[in-house]
N, C-alpha and C. Protein backbone atom coordinates (compact mmCIF):
# COMPACT_ATOMS: atom_id res chain seq x y z
N UNK A 1 0.78 -1.16 0.07
CA UNK A 1 -0.08 -0.04 0.02
C UNK A 1 0.97 1.42 -0.06
N UNK A 2 0.56 2.25 -0.57
CA UNK A 2 1.17 3.51 -0.93
C UNK A 2 1.03 4.51 0.26
N UNK A 3 1.90 5.28 0.45
CA UNK A 3 1.76 6.43 1.37
C UNK A 3 0.96 7.70 0.78
N UNK A 4 1.04 7.80 -0.70
CA UNK A 4 0.49 8.65 -1.42
C UNK A 4 -1.16 8.51 -1.46
N UNK A 5 -1.89 9.70 -0.88
CA UNK A 5 -3.19 9.31 -0.96
C UNK A 5 -4.03 8.94 -2.30
N UNK A 6 -3.59 9.36 -3.35
CA UNK A 6 -4.12 9.20 -4.62
C UNK A 6 -3.70 8.01 -5.14
N UNK A 7 -2.70 7.52 -4.70
CA UNK A 7 -2.30 6.10 -5.02
C UNK A 7 -2.98 4.88 -4.32
N UNK A 8 -3.13 5.41 -2.89
CA UNK A 8 -3.85 4.52 -2.05
C UNK A 8 -5.52 4.46 -2.56
N UNK A 9 -6.00 5.59 -2.90
CA UNK A 9 -7.38 5.51 -3.67
C UNK A 9 -7.55 4.77 -4.78
N UNK A 10 -6.51 5.09 -5.67
CA UNK A 10 -6.54 4.27 -7.03
C UNK A 10 -6.53 2.53 -6.68
N UNK A 11 -5.60 2.38 -5.72
CA UNK A 11 -5.59 0.81 -5.35
C UNK A 11 -7.00 0.20 -4.95
N UNK A 12 -7.54 1.04 -4.15
CA UNK A 12 -8.96 0.93 -3.47
C UNK A 12 -10.01 0.75 -4.76
N UNK A 13 -9.99 1.62 -5.53
CA UNK A 13 -10.86 1.76 -6.51
C UNK A 13 -10.45 0.62 -7.43
N UNK A 14 -9.32 0.22 -7.83
CA UNK A 14 -8.91 -0.94 -8.67
C UNK A 14 -9.60 -2.27 -8.09
N UNK A 15 -9.33 -2.24 -6.83
CA UNK A 15 -9.77 -3.44 -6.02
C UNK A 15 -11.25 -3.69 -5.93
N UNK A 16 -12.07 -2.54 -5.77
CA UNK A 16 -13.36 -2.64 -5.34
C UNK A 16 -14.55 -2.14 -6.55
N UNK A 17 -14.05 -1.56 -7.38
CA UNK A 17 -14.95 -1.13 -8.40
C UNK A 17 -15.92 -2.02 -9.18
N UNK A 18 -15.47 -3.03 -9.50
CA UNK A 18 -16.15 -4.37 -9.94
C UNK A 18 -17.39 -4.50 -8.99
N UNK A 19 -16.85 -5.03 -7.68
CA UNK A 19 -17.90 -5.54 -6.68
C UNK A 19 -18.80 -4.40 -6.48
N UNK A 20 -18.47 -3.29 -6.21
CA UNK A 20 -19.45 -2.06 -6.27
C UNK A 20 -20.42 -1.94 -7.38
N UNK A 21 -19.98 -2.05 -8.42
CA UNK A 21 -21.01 -1.96 -9.82
C UNK A 21 -21.87 -2.98 -9.78
N UNK A 22 -21.32 -4.29 -9.53
CA UNK A 22 -22.25 -5.57 -9.41
C UNK A 22 -23.47 -5.34 -8.46
N UNK A 23 -23.14 -4.90 -7.14
CA UNK A 23 -24.02 -4.66 -6.16
C UNK A 23 -24.82 -3.56 -6.74
N UNK A 24 -24.63 -2.46 -7.12
CA UNK A 24 -25.63 -1.27 -7.30
C UNK A 24 -26.48 -1.85 -8.80
N UNK A 25 -25.78 -2.75 -9.60
CA UNK A 25 -26.53 -3.35 -10.61
C UNK A 25 -27.64 -4.07 -10.06
N UNK A 26 -27.27 -4.93 -9.05
CA UNK A 26 -28.38 -5.87 -8.33
C UNK A 26 -29.55 -5.11 -7.87
N UNK A 27 -29.10 -3.93 -7.28
CA UNK A 27 -30.19 -3.19 -6.73
C UNK A 27 -30.88 -2.23 -7.51
N UNK A 28 -30.40 -1.80 -8.55
CA UNK A 28 -31.14 -1.08 -9.65
C UNK A 28 -31.73 -1.70 -10.71
N UNK A 29 -30.88 -2.82 -11.19
CA UNK A 29 -31.37 -3.39 -12.72
C UNK A 29 -30.80 -2.73 -13.80
N UNK A 30 -30.14 -1.44 -13.60
CA UNK A 30 -30.04 -0.41 -14.58
C UNK A 30 -28.61 -0.39 -14.74
N UNK A 31 -27.88 -0.60 -15.81
CA UNK A 31 -26.49 -0.55 -16.11
C UNK A 31 -25.96 1.03 -15.76
N UNK A 32 -26.63 2.04 -16.35
CA UNK A 32 -26.38 3.42 -16.44
C UNK A 32 -26.54 3.82 -15.01
N UNK A 33 -27.68 3.66 -14.33
CA UNK A 33 -27.77 4.06 -12.94
C UNK A 33 -26.65 3.47 -11.95
N UNK A 34 -26.27 1.95 -12.28
CA UNK A 34 -25.46 1.45 -11.32
C UNK A 34 -24.01 2.12 -11.70
N UNK A 35 -23.69 2.38 -12.83
CA UNK A 35 -22.58 2.90 -13.00
C UNK A 35 -22.49 4.41 -12.53
N UNK A 36 -23.39 5.13 -12.44
CA UNK A 36 -23.58 6.19 -11.89
C UNK A 36 -23.34 6.27 -10.46
N UNK A 37 -24.14 5.12 -9.63
CA UNK A 37 -24.02 4.98 -8.39
C UNK A 37 -22.58 4.64 -7.81
N UNK A 38 -21.91 3.71 -8.64
CA UNK A 38 -20.71 3.36 -8.28
C UNK A 38 -19.68 4.60 -8.36
N UNK A 39 -19.73 5.48 -9.53
CA UNK A 39 -19.09 6.70 -9.38
C UNK A 39 -19.32 7.60 -8.25
N UNK A 40 -20.61 7.72 -7.73
CA UNK A 40 -20.83 8.58 -6.42
C UNK A 40 -20.10 7.78 -5.24
N UNK A 41 -20.41 6.54 -5.10
CA UNK A 41 -19.43 5.87 -4.16
C UNK A 41 -18.11 6.33 -4.04
N UNK A 42 -17.39 6.33 -4.88
CA UNK A 42 -16.08 6.51 -5.11
C UNK A 42 -15.58 7.99 -4.96
N UNK A 43 -16.55 8.87 -5.44
CA UNK A 43 -16.46 10.30 -4.90
C UNK A 43 -16.55 10.51 -3.41
N UNK A 44 -17.55 9.74 -2.79
CA UNK A 44 -17.74 9.84 -1.18
C UNK A 44 -16.39 9.45 -0.77
N UNK A 45 -15.87 8.29 -1.08
CA UNK A 45 -14.87 7.76 -0.47
C UNK A 45 -13.41 8.63 -0.77
N UNK A 46 -13.57 9.28 -1.91
CA UNK A 46 -12.41 10.22 -1.96
C UNK A 46 -12.46 11.42 -1.04
N UNK A 47 -13.77 11.71 -0.75
CA UNK A 47 -14.12 13.04 0.15
C UNK A 47 -13.72 12.54 1.38
N UNK A 48 -13.60 11.31 1.73
CA UNK A 48 -13.61 10.92 3.25
C UNK A 48 -12.27 9.80 3.28
N UNK A 49 -11.35 10.07 2.39
CA UNK A 49 -10.18 9.38 2.46
C UNK A 49 -9.32 9.40 3.78
N UNK A 50 -9.51 10.48 4.50
CA UNK A 50 -8.61 10.60 5.69
C UNK A 50 -9.14 9.68 6.74
N UNK A 51 -10.44 9.22 6.78
CA UNK A 51 -10.78 8.43 7.72
C UNK A 51 -10.50 6.90 7.35
N UNK A 52 -10.05 6.54 6.10
CA UNK A 52 -9.65 5.14 6.04
C UNK A 52 -8.30 4.86 6.39
N UNK A 53 -8.50 3.72 7.29
CA UNK A 53 -7.21 3.24 7.98
C UNK A 53 -6.36 2.18 6.78
N UNK A 54 -4.96 2.38 6.94
CA UNK A 54 -4.39 1.42 6.22
C UNK A 54 -4.57 -0.05 6.42
N UNK A 55 -4.93 -0.91 5.45
CA UNK A 55 -5.27 -2.43 5.46
C UNK A 55 -6.62 -2.52 5.76
N UNK A 56 -7.54 -1.52 5.81
CA UNK A 56 -8.80 -1.53 6.11
C UNK A 56 -9.78 -2.22 5.09
N UNK A 57 -10.60 -3.04 5.31
CA UNK A 57 -11.34 -3.58 4.07
C UNK A 57 -12.46 -2.47 4.05
N UNK A 58 -12.46 -1.90 2.66
CA UNK A 58 -13.17 -0.72 2.47
C UNK A 58 -14.57 -1.00 1.97
N UNK A 59 -14.74 -2.33 1.37
CA UNK A 59 -15.97 -2.70 0.84
C UNK A 59 -17.21 -2.49 1.71
N UNK A 60 -17.07 -2.78 2.88
CA UNK A 60 -18.42 -2.66 3.88
C UNK A 60 -18.68 -1.16 3.62
N UNK A 61 -17.78 0.03 3.67
CA UNK A 61 -18.25 1.32 3.67
C UNK A 61 -18.79 1.77 2.21
N UNK A 62 -18.28 0.87 1.27
CA UNK A 62 -18.76 1.31 -0.23
C UNK A 62 -20.03 0.68 -0.24
N UNK A 63 -20.23 -0.50 0.14
CA UNK A 63 -21.57 -1.08 0.19
C UNK A 63 -22.68 -0.29 0.84
N UNK A 64 -22.44 0.37 2.20
CA UNK A 64 -23.17 1.17 2.80
C UNK A 64 -23.49 2.60 1.81
N UNK A 65 -22.51 3.24 1.27
CA UNK A 65 -22.70 4.21 0.38
C UNK A 65 -23.60 3.97 -0.73
N UNK A 66 -23.27 2.72 -1.36
CA UNK A 66 -24.22 2.25 -2.67
C UNK A 66 -25.67 2.18 -2.07
N UNK A 67 -25.83 1.54 -1.18
CA UNK A 67 -27.21 1.24 -0.73
C UNK A 67 -27.79 2.49 -0.21
N UNK A 68 -27.06 3.64 0.51
CA UNK A 68 -27.91 4.91 0.56
C UNK A 68 -28.14 5.66 -0.42
N UNK A 69 -27.21 5.59 -1.51
CA UNK A 69 -27.48 6.21 -2.73
C UNK A 69 -28.59 5.92 -3.59
N UNK A 70 -28.93 4.47 -3.41
CA UNK A 70 -30.10 3.75 -4.21
C UNK A 70 -31.40 4.18 -3.30
N UNK A 71 -31.39 4.22 -1.96
CA UNK A 71 -32.41 4.58 -1.27
C UNK A 71 -32.85 6.14 -1.26
N UNK A 72 -31.60 7.03 -1.47
CA UNK A 72 -31.87 8.51 -1.88
C UNK A 72 -32.60 8.56 -3.16
N UNK A 73 -32.03 8.07 -4.16
CA UNK A 73 -32.43 8.10 -5.32
C UNK A 73 -33.97 7.52 -5.58
N UNK A 74 -34.15 6.57 -4.87
CA UNK A 74 -35.65 5.97 -4.96
C UNK A 74 -36.48 6.92 -4.07
N UNK A 75 -36.21 7.65 -3.10
CA UNK A 75 -36.83 8.33 -2.51
C UNK A 75 -37.10 9.88 -3.35
N UNK A 76 -36.19 10.13 -3.91
CA UNK A 76 -36.41 11.36 -4.82
C UNK A 76 -37.53 10.97 -5.89
N UNK A 77 -37.15 10.07 -6.25
CA UNK A 77 -38.02 9.76 -7.76
C UNK A 77 -39.55 9.52 -6.95
N UNK A 78 -39.69 8.73 -5.87
CA UNK A 78 -41.07 8.74 -5.26
C UNK A 78 -41.57 10.26 -5.25
N UNK A 79 -40.86 10.96 -4.29
CA UNK A 79 -41.26 12.37 -4.12
C UNK A 79 -41.72 13.07 -5.47
N UNK A 80 -40.72 12.92 -6.42
CA UNK A 80 -41.21 13.60 -7.86
C UNK A 80 -42.40 13.07 -8.46
N UNK A 81 -42.44 11.88 -8.33
CA UNK A 81 -43.97 11.23 -8.93
C UNK A 81 -45.12 11.53 -8.42
N UNK A 82 -44.98 11.35 -6.94
CA UNK A 82 -45.97 12.09 -5.97
C UNK A 82 -46.51 13.38 -6.34
N UNK A 83 -45.28 14.26 -6.61
CA UNK A 83 -45.67 15.81 -6.85
C UNK A 83 -46.30 15.96 -8.09
N UNK A 84 -45.82 15.17 -8.99
CA UNK A 84 -46.41 15.34 -10.48
C UNK A 84 -47.80 14.71 -10.46
N UNK A 85 -48.29 13.78 -9.65
CA UNK A 85 -49.44 13.35 -9.53
C UNK A 85 -50.45 14.39 -8.78
N UNK A 86 -50.02 14.91 -7.83
CA UNK A 86 -50.73 15.93 -7.09
C UNK A 86 -50.73 17.26 -7.68
N UNK A 87 -49.92 17.55 -8.76
CA UNK A 87 -49.72 18.81 -9.44
C UNK A 87 -51.13 19.30 -10.13
N UNK A 88 -51.79 18.58 -10.89
CA UNK A 88 -52.98 18.93 -11.29
C UNK A 88 -53.91 19.27 -10.33
N UNK A 89 -53.96 18.57 -9.19
CA UNK A 89 -55.02 19.17 -8.11
C UNK A 89 -54.86 20.41 -7.33
N UNK A 90 -53.67 20.95 -7.49
CA UNK A 90 -53.30 22.24 -6.89
C UNK A 90 -53.49 23.32 -8.02
N UNK A 91 -53.71 24.48 -7.58
CA UNK A 91 -53.91 25.45 -8.59
C UNK A 91 -55.43 25.49 -9.17
N UNK A 92 -55.28 25.75 -10.33
CA UNK A 92 -56.71 25.81 -11.08
C UNK A 92 -57.36 24.67 -11.33
N UNK A 93 -58.65 24.67 -11.67
CA UNK A 93 -59.52 23.34 -11.70
C UNK A 93 -59.33 22.92 -13.11
N UNK A 94 -58.61 23.50 -14.22
CA UNK A 94 -58.23 22.94 -15.48
C UNK A 94 -57.34 21.92 -15.35
N UNK A 95 -57.55 20.82 -16.14
CA UNK A 95 -56.68 19.80 -16.11
C UNK A 95 -55.22 20.44 -16.97
N UNK A 96 -54.17 19.62 -16.14
CA UNK A 96 -52.82 20.10 -16.78
C UNK A 96 -52.70 19.09 -17.95
N UNK A 97 -52.22 19.55 -18.97
CA UNK A 97 -51.76 18.89 -20.33
C UNK A 97 -50.60 18.34 -20.33
N UNK A 98 -50.59 17.04 -19.77
CA UNK A 98 -49.17 16.19 -19.61
C UNK A 98 -48.45 16.24 -20.88
N UNK A 99 -48.97 15.93 -22.01
CA UNK A 99 -48.16 15.93 -23.17
C UNK A 99 -47.67 17.29 -23.56
N UNK A 100 -48.49 18.36 -23.10
CA UNK A 100 -47.80 19.58 -23.32
C UNK A 100 -46.47 19.88 -22.51
N UNK A 101 -46.66 19.43 -21.26
CA UNK A 101 -45.63 19.57 -20.18
C UNK A 101 -44.54 18.84 -20.72
N UNK A 102 -44.55 17.43 -21.20
CA UNK A 102 -43.70 16.72 -21.55
C UNK A 102 -42.91 17.34 -22.88
N UNK A 103 -43.68 17.91 -23.87
CA UNK A 103 -43.20 18.46 -25.12
C UNK A 103 -42.02 19.85 -24.62
N UNK A 104 -42.80 20.73 -23.60
CA UNK A 104 -42.05 21.83 -23.30
C UNK A 104 -40.58 21.24 -22.52
N UNK A 105 -40.81 20.35 -21.91
CA UNK A 105 -39.66 19.70 -21.15
C UNK A 105 -38.51 19.20 -22.10
N UNK A 106 -39.16 18.42 -23.01
CA UNK A 106 -38.06 17.87 -24.05
C UNK A 106 -37.58 19.24 -24.95
N UNK A 107 -38.12 20.09 -25.18
CA UNK A 107 -37.75 21.36 -25.91
C UNK A 107 -36.75 21.85 -25.03
N UNK A 108 -36.90 22.17 -23.91
CA UNK A 108 -35.84 22.75 -23.09
C UNK A 108 -34.50 21.95 -22.96
N UNK A 109 -34.86 20.56 -22.81
CA UNK A 109 -33.68 19.61 -22.71
C UNK A 109 -32.73 19.55 -24.05
N UNK A 110 -33.60 19.66 -25.26
CA UNK A 110 -32.66 20.03 -26.45
C UNK A 110 -31.84 21.09 -26.34
N UNK A 111 -32.31 22.10 -25.69
CA UNK A 111 -31.60 23.58 -25.85
C UNK A 111 -30.60 23.26 -24.80
N UNK A 112 -30.65 22.69 -23.74
CA UNK A 112 -29.74 22.52 -22.84
C UNK A 112 -28.45 21.65 -23.73
N UNK A 113 -29.07 20.57 -24.26
CA UNK A 113 -28.07 19.59 -24.77
C UNK A 113 -27.10 20.37 -25.76
N UNK A 114 -27.78 21.39 -26.63
CA UNK A 114 -27.01 22.03 -27.32
C UNK A 114 -25.96 22.95 -26.87
N UNK A 115 -26.24 23.42 -25.73
CA UNK A 115 -25.16 24.39 -25.06
C UNK A 115 -23.98 23.51 -24.61
N UNK A 116 -24.02 22.23 -24.67
CA UNK A 116 -22.71 21.60 -24.17
C UNK A 116 -21.63 21.57 -25.26
N UNK A 117 -20.45 21.49 -24.74
CA UNK A 117 -19.16 21.40 -25.83
C UNK A 117 -19.40 20.17 -26.59
N UNK A 118 -19.10 20.30 -28.02
CA UNK A 118 -19.40 19.18 -29.02
C UNK A 118 -19.13 17.78 -28.69
N UNK A 119 -17.85 17.52 -28.01
CA UNK A 119 -17.76 16.18 -27.65
C UNK A 119 -18.65 15.50 -26.70
N UNK A 120 -18.62 16.38 -25.51
CA UNK A 120 -19.58 15.96 -24.61
C UNK A 120 -21.17 15.79 -25.10
N UNK A 121 -21.46 16.60 -25.86
CA UNK A 121 -22.70 16.55 -26.64
C UNK A 121 -22.93 15.20 -27.49
N UNK A 122 -21.97 14.80 -27.94
CA UNK A 122 -21.55 13.47 -28.74
C UNK A 122 -21.77 12.30 -27.93
N UNK A 123 -21.04 12.32 -26.83
CA UNK A 123 -20.89 11.18 -25.88
C UNK A 123 -22.52 10.99 -25.28
N UNK A 124 -23.09 12.16 -24.96
CA UNK A 124 -24.45 12.17 -24.41
C UNK A 124 -25.47 11.51 -25.43
N UNK A 125 -25.46 11.80 -26.53
CA UNK A 125 -26.42 11.69 -27.57
C UNK A 125 -26.25 10.10 -27.79
N UNK A 126 -24.81 9.61 -28.11
CA UNK A 126 -24.63 8.42 -28.29
C UNK A 126 -25.00 7.44 -27.11
N UNK A 127 -25.04 7.98 -25.93
CA UNK A 127 -25.25 7.13 -24.80
C UNK A 127 -26.50 7.06 -24.69
N UNK A 128 -27.24 8.18 -24.70
CA UNK A 128 -28.83 8.19 -24.24
C UNK A 128 -29.66 7.86 -25.36
N UNK A 129 -29.31 8.64 -26.61
CA UNK A 129 -30.13 8.37 -27.65
C UNK A 129 -30.08 7.30 -28.42
N UNK A 130 -28.79 6.88 -28.61
CA UNK A 130 -28.30 5.69 -29.46
C UNK A 130 -28.36 4.31 -28.61
N UNK A 131 -28.19 4.57 -27.21
CA UNK A 131 -28.02 3.40 -26.30
C UNK A 131 -26.64 2.79 -26.46
N UNK A 132 -25.79 3.44 -26.89
CA UNK A 132 -24.36 2.86 -27.29
C UNK A 132 -23.54 2.80 -25.51
N UNK A 133 -22.80 1.57 -25.50
CA UNK A 133 -22.08 1.37 -24.18
C UNK A 133 -20.90 2.54 -24.24
N UNK A 134 -20.33 2.54 -22.95
CA UNK A 134 -19.17 3.75 -23.08
C UNK A 134 -18.09 3.14 -23.84
N UNK A 135 -17.78 1.70 -23.88
CA UNK A 135 -16.79 1.36 -24.73
C UNK A 135 -17.34 1.35 -26.27
N UNK A 136 -18.41 1.37 -26.56
CA UNK A 136 -18.58 1.52 -28.04
C UNK A 136 -18.58 3.12 -28.34
N UNK A 137 -18.80 3.84 -27.43
CA UNK A 137 -18.53 5.19 -27.63
C UNK A 137 -17.10 5.76 -27.90
N UNK A 138 -16.37 4.92 -26.86
CA UNK A 138 -14.82 5.28 -26.76
C UNK A 138 -14.27 4.82 -28.19
N UNK A 139 -14.65 3.71 -28.67
CA UNK A 139 -14.17 3.39 -29.91
C UNK A 139 -14.70 4.26 -31.02
N UNK A 140 -15.85 4.36 -31.00
CA UNK A 140 -16.38 5.39 -32.20
C UNK A 140 -15.80 6.82 -32.26
N UNK A 141 -15.57 7.37 -31.02
CA UNK A 141 -14.87 8.78 -30.93
C UNK A 141 -13.46 8.76 -30.85
N UNK A 142 -12.80 7.58 -30.71
CA UNK A 142 -11.38 7.67 -30.40
C UNK A 142 -10.99 8.15 -29.16
N UNK A 143 -11.55 7.97 -28.18
CA UNK A 143 -11.37 8.54 -26.76
C UNK A 143 -11.42 7.18 -25.83
N UNK A 144 -10.81 7.44 -24.47
CA UNK A 144 -10.66 6.34 -23.63
C UNK A 144 -12.18 6.16 -22.94
N UNK A 145 -12.69 4.91 -22.48
CA UNK A 145 -13.82 4.75 -21.84
C UNK A 145 -13.81 5.87 -20.53
N UNK A 146 -12.69 5.90 -19.80
CA UNK A 146 -12.73 6.92 -18.71
C UNK A 146 -13.11 8.35 -19.13
N UNK A 147 -12.54 8.70 -20.23
CA UNK A 147 -13.20 10.18 -20.74
C UNK A 147 -14.57 10.20 -21.18
N UNK A 148 -15.13 8.99 -21.66
CA UNK A 148 -16.52 8.94 -21.92
C UNK A 148 -17.37 9.20 -20.62
N UNK A 149 -16.88 8.35 -19.82
CA UNK A 149 -17.49 8.26 -18.35
C UNK A 149 -17.42 9.60 -17.87
N UNK A 150 -16.19 10.39 -18.00
CA UNK A 150 -16.27 11.81 -17.30
C UNK A 150 -17.37 12.71 -18.11
N UNK A 151 -17.35 12.62 -19.55
CA UNK A 151 -18.02 13.40 -20.10
C UNK A 151 -19.76 13.14 -19.84
N UNK A 152 -20.02 11.81 -19.74
CA UNK A 152 -21.43 11.43 -19.17
C UNK A 152 -21.67 12.27 -17.97
N UNK A 153 -20.76 12.06 -17.07
CA UNK A 153 -20.78 12.51 -15.59
C UNK A 153 -21.13 14.14 -15.78
N UNK A 154 -20.36 14.56 -16.54
CA UNK A 154 -20.38 16.30 -16.67
C UNK A 154 -21.80 16.52 -17.34
N UNK A 155 -22.15 15.77 -18.55
CA UNK A 155 -23.12 16.22 -19.16
C UNK A 155 -24.50 16.02 -18.12
N UNK A 156 -24.51 14.99 -17.51
CA UNK A 156 -25.75 14.82 -16.72
C UNK A 156 -25.71 15.82 -15.55
N UNK A 157 -24.87 16.42 -14.95
CA UNK A 157 -24.63 17.23 -14.00
C UNK A 157 -25.25 18.76 -14.48
N UNK A 158 -24.60 19.15 -15.75
CA UNK A 158 -24.91 19.99 -16.36
C UNK A 158 -26.56 20.18 -16.86
N UNK A 159 -27.15 18.99 -17.25
CA UNK A 159 -28.48 19.04 -17.57
C UNK A 159 -29.22 19.16 -16.48
N UNK A 160 -28.89 18.57 -15.25
CA UNK A 160 -29.67 18.67 -13.93
C UNK A 160 -29.63 20.06 -13.59
N UNK A 161 -28.34 20.62 -13.30
CA UNK A 161 -28.46 22.17 -12.98
C UNK A 161 -29.21 22.93 -13.77
N UNK A 162 -29.19 22.78 -15.22
CA UNK A 162 -30.04 23.88 -16.01
C UNK A 162 -31.34 23.63 -15.87
N UNK A 163 -31.84 22.33 -15.92
CA UNK A 163 -33.27 21.81 -15.70
C UNK A 163 -33.80 22.45 -14.45
N UNK A 164 -33.15 22.32 -13.45
CA UNK A 164 -33.56 22.83 -12.00
C UNK A 164 -33.70 24.42 -11.96
N UNK A 165 -32.81 24.90 -12.65
CA UNK A 165 -32.74 26.32 -12.66
C UNK A 165 -33.88 27.01 -13.66
N UNK A 166 -34.18 26.23 -14.72
CA UNK A 166 -35.30 26.60 -15.53
C UNK A 166 -36.61 26.42 -14.80
N UNK A 167 -36.72 25.38 -14.01
CA UNK A 167 -38.02 25.15 -13.28
C UNK A 167 -38.10 25.93 -11.95
N UNK A 168 -37.16 26.76 -11.75
CA UNK A 168 -37.14 27.55 -10.45
C UNK A 168 -36.72 26.61 -9.23
N UNK A 169 -35.80 25.68 -9.35
CA UNK A 169 -35.61 24.96 -8.21
C UNK A 169 -33.98 25.22 -7.85
N UNK A 170 -33.65 25.35 -6.88
CA UNK A 170 -32.32 25.46 -6.45
C UNK A 170 -31.36 24.30 -6.52
N UNK A 171 -30.46 24.38 -7.37
CA UNK A 171 -29.58 22.95 -7.68
C UNK A 171 -28.64 23.11 -6.58
N UNK A 172 -28.31 21.81 -6.10
CA UNK A 172 -27.32 21.66 -5.05
C UNK A 172 -25.90 22.16 -5.20
C-alpha cells in the first residue's frame, strides 16, 4: 500500500470497483444507474479518504454508500412522481396537459444539450439516444472509456443544474 493518498485511492478503486458496480446493478437493475452510483460511491470515498485506515477492508463502507445512494435516489423519484400526481390538483381546476408539459420539457432539454461542448454532446447523445455503451462510444470517438464516463457525468450534472434552474428549483 502506498503513502500517497491518490495512489492508495487508486488501489482501493481498482480492488473494489467491479464489486460495487455489481452490487449497484443488482439493486437498480440498470447499467447506467449502477455506473453512476458506483462513481458517486468512489467520490464519497475520495472525500472521506482521511478516515480510511491502512489495511482496512473498504468494501463494507462502499456497500453502505451504494445502498444509501439507491435509497436516496428512490426517495427522490417517489417524491417527484407524487408531486407530479398532485400537481393537477393544486391551482386551477383546469386539467394539466401532460403531453404539453412533456413537449415543453423535451424542448428545453434539447436547448440544454445544444449548449454543451461538442464532444460532451456527442458522448451524451450516443449514450442516451443511441443506447451505445461507454466502450462503443470510446471506440467510435477514439477516446478512452474513462473520458466517456467523465463526459457523461459532466453532461448529466449540467443537464440537472440547467433544468432545475429553468423550473425555479435551487440546484445543490
